[in-house]
Amino acid sequence: MSTAPTRKRKKATPKTFKAAYDILKTNAAELQQQDEPDIDNLMTTVEESITAYRICETRINAVQRALDAAFAEEDSTDKNSVTKKDNNELKNDANKTTASEDSSNS
């Protein structure tokens, strides 16, 4: 008596990074544990994995862009703070110099 291979049902498209990453981990583990390749389900597994990978990649790229923007903004703020601080110190030094010159001329 032969049994027909059980077809794996394609899962719904994951909505989060974690869900997509879990699919990738599960599919990788299933493929590694197979003694013989499950050709009947291979395409479903590959398609599902590609979709999950793209979701992970998109999310990682979005986070990278957000971090780059945040650090660029922080660097810009730090540079402006340093510039303002330097300008204030220069003004104070100039005022001190002018005050000492005025007192020595008196």
N, C-alpha and C. Protein backbone atom coordinates (compact mmCIF):
# COMPACT_ATOMS: atom_id res chain seq x y z
N MET A 1 0.84 -1.17 0.00
CA MET A 1 0.00 0.00 0.00
C MET A 1 0.89 1.24 0.00
N SER A 2 0.78 2.07 -1.01
CA SER A 2 1.62 3.26 -1.08
C SER A 2 0.84 4.46 -0.57
N THR A 3 1.55 5.31 0.09
CA THR A 3 0.91 6.52 0.59
C THR A 3 1.41 7.71 -0.20
N ALA A 4 0.51 8.58 -0.51
CA ALA A 4 0.88 9.79 -1.25
C ALA A 4 1.62 10.72 -0.31
N PRO A 5 2.64 11.40 -0.83
CA PRO A 5 3.38 12.33 0.03
C PRO A 5 2.46 13.45 0.51
N THR A 6 2.70 13.86 1.72
CA THR A 6 1.91 14.95 2.29
C THR A 6 2.50 16.27 1.81
N ARG A 7 1.66 17.05 1.22
CA ARG A 7 2.10 18.35 0.72
C ARG A 7 2.06 19.37 1.86
N LYS A 8 3.11 20.11 1.95
CA LYS A 8 3.19 21.16 2.94
C LYS A 8 2.38 22.35 2.45
N ARG A 9 1.56 22.89 3.32
CA ARG A 9 0.77 24.06 2.95
C ARG A 9 1.61 25.31 3.15
N LYS A 10 1.52 26.21 2.20
CA LYS A 10 2.26 27.46 2.30
C LYS A 10 1.64 28.30 3.40
N LYS A 11 2.50 28.80 4.28
CA LYS A 11 2.04 29.62 5.40
C LYS A 11 1.72 31.02 4.92
N ALA A 12 0.93 31.73 5.72
CA ALA A 12 0.60 33.12 5.40
C ALA A 12 1.88 33.95 5.46
N THR A 13 1.90 35.02 4.70
CA THR A 13 3.06 35.91 4.70
C THR A 13 3.24 36.51 6.09
N PRO A 14 4.44 36.39 6.64
CA PRO A 14 4.68 36.94 7.98
C PRO A 14 4.59 38.47 7.97
N LYS A 15 4.13 39.02 9.07
CA LYS A 15 3.96 40.48 9.16
C LYS A 15 5.08 41.15 9.94
N THR A 16 5.83 40.38 10.71
CA THR A 16 6.88 40.97 11.55
C THR A 16 8.23 40.32 11.25
N PHE A 17 9.28 41.01 11.68
CA PHE A 17 10.62 40.46 11.54
C PHE A 17 10.73 39.14 12.26
N LYS A 18 10.22 39.08 13.50
CA LYS A 18 10.34 37.86 14.31
C LYS A 18 9.64 36.69 13.63
N ALA A 19 8.45 36.91 13.11
CA ALA A 19 7.71 35.84 12.43
C ALA A 19 8.49 35.35 11.20
N ALA A 20 9.03 36.28 10.44
CA ALA A 20 9.80 35.91 9.25
C ALA A 20 11.08 35.17 9.63
N TYR A 21 11.74 35.65 10.67
CA TYR A 21 12.98 35.01 11.13
C TYR A 21 12.69 33.60 11.64
N ASP A 22 11.58 33.44 12.34
CA ASP A 22 11.19 32.10 12.83
C ASP A 22 10.96 31.13 11.67
N ILE A 23 10.35 31.63 10.60
CA ILE A 23 10.14 30.79 9.41
C ILE A 23 11.48 30.36 8.83
N LEU A 24 12.41 31.29 8.73
CA LEU A 24 13.74 30.96 8.19
C LEU A 24 14.43 29.91 9.05
N LYS A 25 14.38 30.09 10.37
CA LYS A 25 15.02 29.12 11.27
C LYS A 25 14.35 27.75 11.15
N THR A 26 13.03 27.72 11.12
CA THR A 26 12.30 26.45 11.04
C THR A 26 12.61 25.74 9.73
N ASN A 27 12.56 26.47 8.63
CA ASN A 27 12.82 25.86 7.32
C ASN A 27 14.25 25.35 7.21
N ALA A 28 15.20 26.13 7.74
CA ALA A 28 16.59 25.68 7.71
C ALA A 28 16.77 24.41 8.52
N ALA A 29 16.15 24.36 9.69
CA ALA A 29 16.26 23.16 10.54
C ALA A 29 15.63 21.95 9.86
N GLU A 30 14.47 22.15 9.23
CA GLU A 30 13.81 21.04 8.53
C GLU A 30 14.68 20.51 7.39
N LEU A 31 15.27 21.42 6.63
CA LEU A 31 16.12 21.00 5.52
C LEU A 31 17.37 20.27 6.01
N GLN A 32 17.94 20.73 7.11
CA GLN A 32 19.14 20.10 7.65
C GLN A 32 18.86 18.72 8.23
N GLN A 33 17.65 18.51 8.73
CA GLN A 33 17.32 17.24 9.38
C GLN A 33 16.90 16.16 8.39
N GLN A 34 16.66 16.53 7.15
CA GLN A 34 16.20 15.55 6.17
C GLN A 34 17.34 14.63 5.75
N ASP A 35 17.04 13.32 5.79
CA ASP A 35 18.02 12.36 5.26
C ASP A 35 17.96 12.36 3.74
N GLU A 36 16.77 12.48 3.23
CA GLU A 36 16.55 12.56 1.78
C GLU A 36 15.76 13.82 1.50
N PRO A 37 16.09 14.51 0.44
CA PRO A 37 15.37 15.75 0.14
C PRO A 37 13.89 15.50 -0.11
N ASP A 38 13.06 16.35 0.44
CA ASP A 38 11.61 16.26 0.25
C ASP A 38 11.25 17.14 -0.95
N ILE A 39 11.44 16.56 -2.12
CA ILE A 39 11.25 17.30 -3.37
C ILE A 39 9.82 17.83 -3.51
N ASP A 40 8.85 17.09 -3.01
CA ASP A 40 7.45 17.51 -3.15
C ASP A 40 7.18 18.83 -2.42
N ASN A 41 7.91 19.08 -1.37
CA ASN A 41 7.68 20.31 -0.59
C ASN A 41 8.79 21.34 -0.74
N LEU A 42 9.79 21.01 -1.53
CA LEU A 42 10.94 21.89 -1.64
C LEU A 42 10.58 23.27 -2.17
N MET A 43 9.81 23.33 -3.23
CA MET A 43 9.44 24.63 -3.81
C MET A 43 8.67 25.49 -2.82
N THR A 44 7.75 24.88 -2.10
CA THR A 44 6.99 25.62 -1.09
C THR A 44 7.92 26.17 -0.02
N THR A 45 8.84 25.33 0.43
CA THR A 45 9.80 25.74 1.46
C THR A 45 10.69 26.87 0.95
N VAL A 46 11.17 26.75 -0.27
CA VAL A 46 12.05 27.78 -0.84
C VAL A 46 11.30 29.09 -1.03
N GLU A 47 10.09 29.03 -1.58
CA GLU A 47 9.30 30.25 -1.80
C GLU A 47 8.98 30.94 -0.47
N GLU A 48 8.61 30.14 0.50
CA GLU A 48 8.30 30.66 1.83
C GLU A 48 9.54 31.32 2.44
N SER A 49 10.68 30.68 2.26
CA SER A 49 11.93 31.21 2.81
C SER A 49 12.35 32.50 2.12
N ILE A 50 12.18 32.57 0.82
CA ILE A 50 12.52 33.79 0.08
C ILE A 50 11.66 34.95 0.55
N THR A 51 10.37 34.71 0.70
CA THR A 51 9.46 35.75 1.20
C THR A 51 9.88 36.21 2.59
N ALA A 52 10.17 35.26 3.47
CA ALA A 52 10.58 35.59 4.83
C ALA A 52 11.90 36.35 4.83
N TYR A 53 12.84 35.93 3.99
CA TYR A 53 14.13 36.61 3.89
C TYR A 53 13.95 38.06 3.46
N ARG A 54 13.11 38.29 2.48
CA ARG A 54 12.90 39.66 1.98
C ARG A 54 12.28 40.54 3.06
N ILE A 55 11.39 39.98 3.86
CA ILE A 55 10.79 40.75 4.96
C ILE A 55 11.87 41.10 5.98
N CYS A 56 12.71 40.15 6.33
CA CYS A 56 13.81 40.40 7.28
C CYS A 56 14.76 41.45 6.72
N GLU A 57 15.13 41.29 5.46
CA GLU A 57 16.06 42.23 4.82
C GLU A 57 15.49 43.64 4.80
N THR A 58 14.22 43.78 4.45
CA THR A 58 13.57 45.08 4.41
C THR A 58 13.57 45.73 5.79
N ARG A 59 13.25 44.95 6.80
CA ARG A 59 13.21 45.48 8.17
C ARG A 59 14.60 45.87 8.65
N ILE A 60 15.59 45.05 8.39
CA ILE A 60 16.97 45.36 8.78
C ILE A 60 17.43 46.64 8.09
N ASN A 61 17.14 46.78 6.80
CA ASN A 61 17.53 47.98 6.07
C ASN A 61 16.84 49.23 6.62
N ALA A 62 15.56 49.09 6.99
CA ALA A 62 14.82 50.23 7.57
C ALA A 62 15.44 50.64 8.90
N VAL A 63 15.79 49.66 9.72
CA VAL A 63 16.41 49.96 11.01
C VAL A 63 17.77 50.61 10.79
N GLN A 64 18.54 50.11 9.83
CA GLN A 64 19.85 50.69 9.54
C GLN A 64 19.73 52.14 9.10
N ARG A 65 18.75 52.43 8.24
CA ARG A 65 18.54 53.82 7.80
C ARG A 65 18.15 54.71 8.97
N ALA A 66 17.29 54.20 9.85
CA ALA A 66 16.86 54.97 11.01
C ALA A 66 18.03 55.25 11.94
N LEU A 67 18.87 54.25 12.16
CA LEU A 67 20.06 54.44 13.01
C LEU A 67 21.03 55.43 12.37
N ASP A 68 21.25 55.30 11.07
CA ASP A 68 22.14 56.23 10.38
C ASP A 68 21.64 57.66 10.52
N ALA A 69 20.33 57.85 10.35
CA ALA A 69 19.73 59.18 10.47
C ALA A 69 19.86 59.70 11.90
N ALA A 70 19.62 58.84 12.87
CA ALA A 70 19.72 59.25 14.27
C ALA A 70 21.14 59.64 14.62
N PHE A 71 22.12 58.86 14.18
CA PHE A 71 23.51 59.18 14.48
C PHE A 71 23.96 60.43 13.73
N ALA A 72 23.48 60.61 12.51
CA ALA A 72 23.82 61.81 11.75
C ALA A 72 23.25 63.04 12.44
N GLU A 73 22.03 62.93 12.92
CA GLU A 73 21.39 64.03 13.65
C GLU A 73 22.14 64.32 14.95
N GLU A 74 22.55 63.25 15.65
CA GLU A 74 23.29 63.40 16.89
C GLU A 74 24.64 64.06 16.63
N ASP A 75 25.33 63.62 15.57
CA ASP A 75 26.61 64.22 15.21
C ASP A 75 26.45 65.70 14.87
N SER A 76 25.39 66.00 14.14
CA SER A 76 25.12 67.38 13.76
C SER A 76 24.85 68.23 15.00
N THR A 77 24.08 67.70 15.93
CA THR A 77 23.78 68.40 17.18
C THR A 77 25.05 68.58 17.99
N ASP A 78 25.87 67.54 18.08
CA ASP A 78 27.12 67.62 18.82
C ASP A 78 28.04 68.67 18.21
N LYS A 79 28.13 68.70 16.88
CA LYS A 79 28.99 69.67 16.22
C LYS A 79 28.49 71.08 16.46
N ASN A 80 27.16 71.27 16.40
CA ASN A 80 26.59 72.59 16.67
C ASN A 80 26.84 72.99 18.11
N SER A 81 26.73 72.06 19.03
CA SER A 81 26.97 72.35 20.44
C SER A 81 28.41 72.76 20.65
N VAL A 82 29.32 72.03 20.03
CA VAL A 82 30.75 72.35 20.15
C VAL A 82 31.01 73.71 19.54
N THR A 83 30.43 73.99 18.40
CA THR A 83 30.65 75.27 17.73
C THR A 83 30.12 76.40 18.60
N LYS A 84 28.93 76.25 19.15
CA LYS A 84 28.37 77.28 20.02
C LYS A 84 29.24 77.47 21.25
N LYS A 85 29.70 76.36 21.82
CA LYS A 85 30.55 76.42 23.01
C LYS A 85 31.86 77.13 22.66
N ASP A 86 32.47 76.76 21.53
CA ASP A 86 33.71 77.39 21.11
C ASP A 86 33.51 78.89 20.88
N ASN A 87 32.40 79.25 20.23
CA ASN A 87 32.12 80.66 19.98
C ASN A 87 31.94 81.42 21.29
N ASN A 88 31.24 80.82 22.24
CA ASN A 88 31.05 81.47 23.54
C ASN A 88 32.38 81.64 24.26
N GLU A 89 33.23 80.63 24.21
CA GLU A 89 34.54 80.72 24.84
C GLU A 89 35.39 81.80 24.17
N LEU A 90 35.32 81.89 22.85
CA LEU A 90 36.07 82.92 22.15
C LEU A 90 35.57 84.31 22.53
N LYS A 91 34.25 84.47 22.64
CA LYS A 91 33.69 85.76 23.04
C LYS A 91 34.13 86.11 24.46
N ASN A 92 34.09 85.12 25.36
CA ASN A 92 34.52 85.36 26.73
C ASN A 92 35.99 85.75 26.79
N ASP A 93 36.82 85.03 26.03
CA ASP A 93 38.25 85.35 25.98
C ASP A 93 38.46 86.75 25.43
N ALA A 94 37.71 87.09 24.39
CA ALA A 94 37.84 88.43 23.79
C ALA A 94 37.42 89.49 24.79
N ASN A 95 36.33 89.21 25.52
CA ASN A 95 35.86 90.18 26.52
C ASN A 95 36.89 90.34 27.63
N LYS A 96 37.50 89.23 28.07
CA LYS A 96 38.51 89.29 29.12
C LYS A 96 39.72 90.08 28.63
N THR A 97 40.12 89.82 27.38
CA THR A 97 41.27 90.50 26.82
C THR A 97 41.00 92.00 26.72
N THR A 98 39.81 92.35 26.25
CA THR A 98 39.43 93.75 26.11
C THR A 98 39.37 94.41 27.48
N ALA A 99 38.82 93.71 28.46
CA ALA A 99 38.71 94.25 29.82
C ALA A 99 40.09 94.45 30.42
N SER A 100 41.00 93.49 30.22
CA SER A 100 42.35 93.62 30.79
C SER A 100 43.13 94.72 30.08
N GLU A 101 42.89 94.88 28.77
CA GLU A 101 43.57 95.94 28.03
C GLU A 101 43.07 97.30 28.51
N ASP A 102 41.75 97.37 28.75
CA ASP A 102 41.16 98.63 29.22
C ASP A 102 41.72 99.00 30.60
N SER A 103 41.85 98.00 31.46
CA SER A 103 42.34 98.27 32.82
C SER A 103 43.82 98.62 32.81
N SER A 104 44.58 98.07 31.89
CA SER A 104 46.02 98.37 31.83
C SER A 104 46.26 99.73 31.18
N ASN A 105 45.35 100.18 30.34
CA ASN A 105 45.48 101.49 29.70
C ASN A 105 45.07 102.60 30.65
N SER A 106 44.37 102.29 31.70
CA SER A 106 43.89 103.33 32.62
C SER A 106 44.94 103.83 33.53
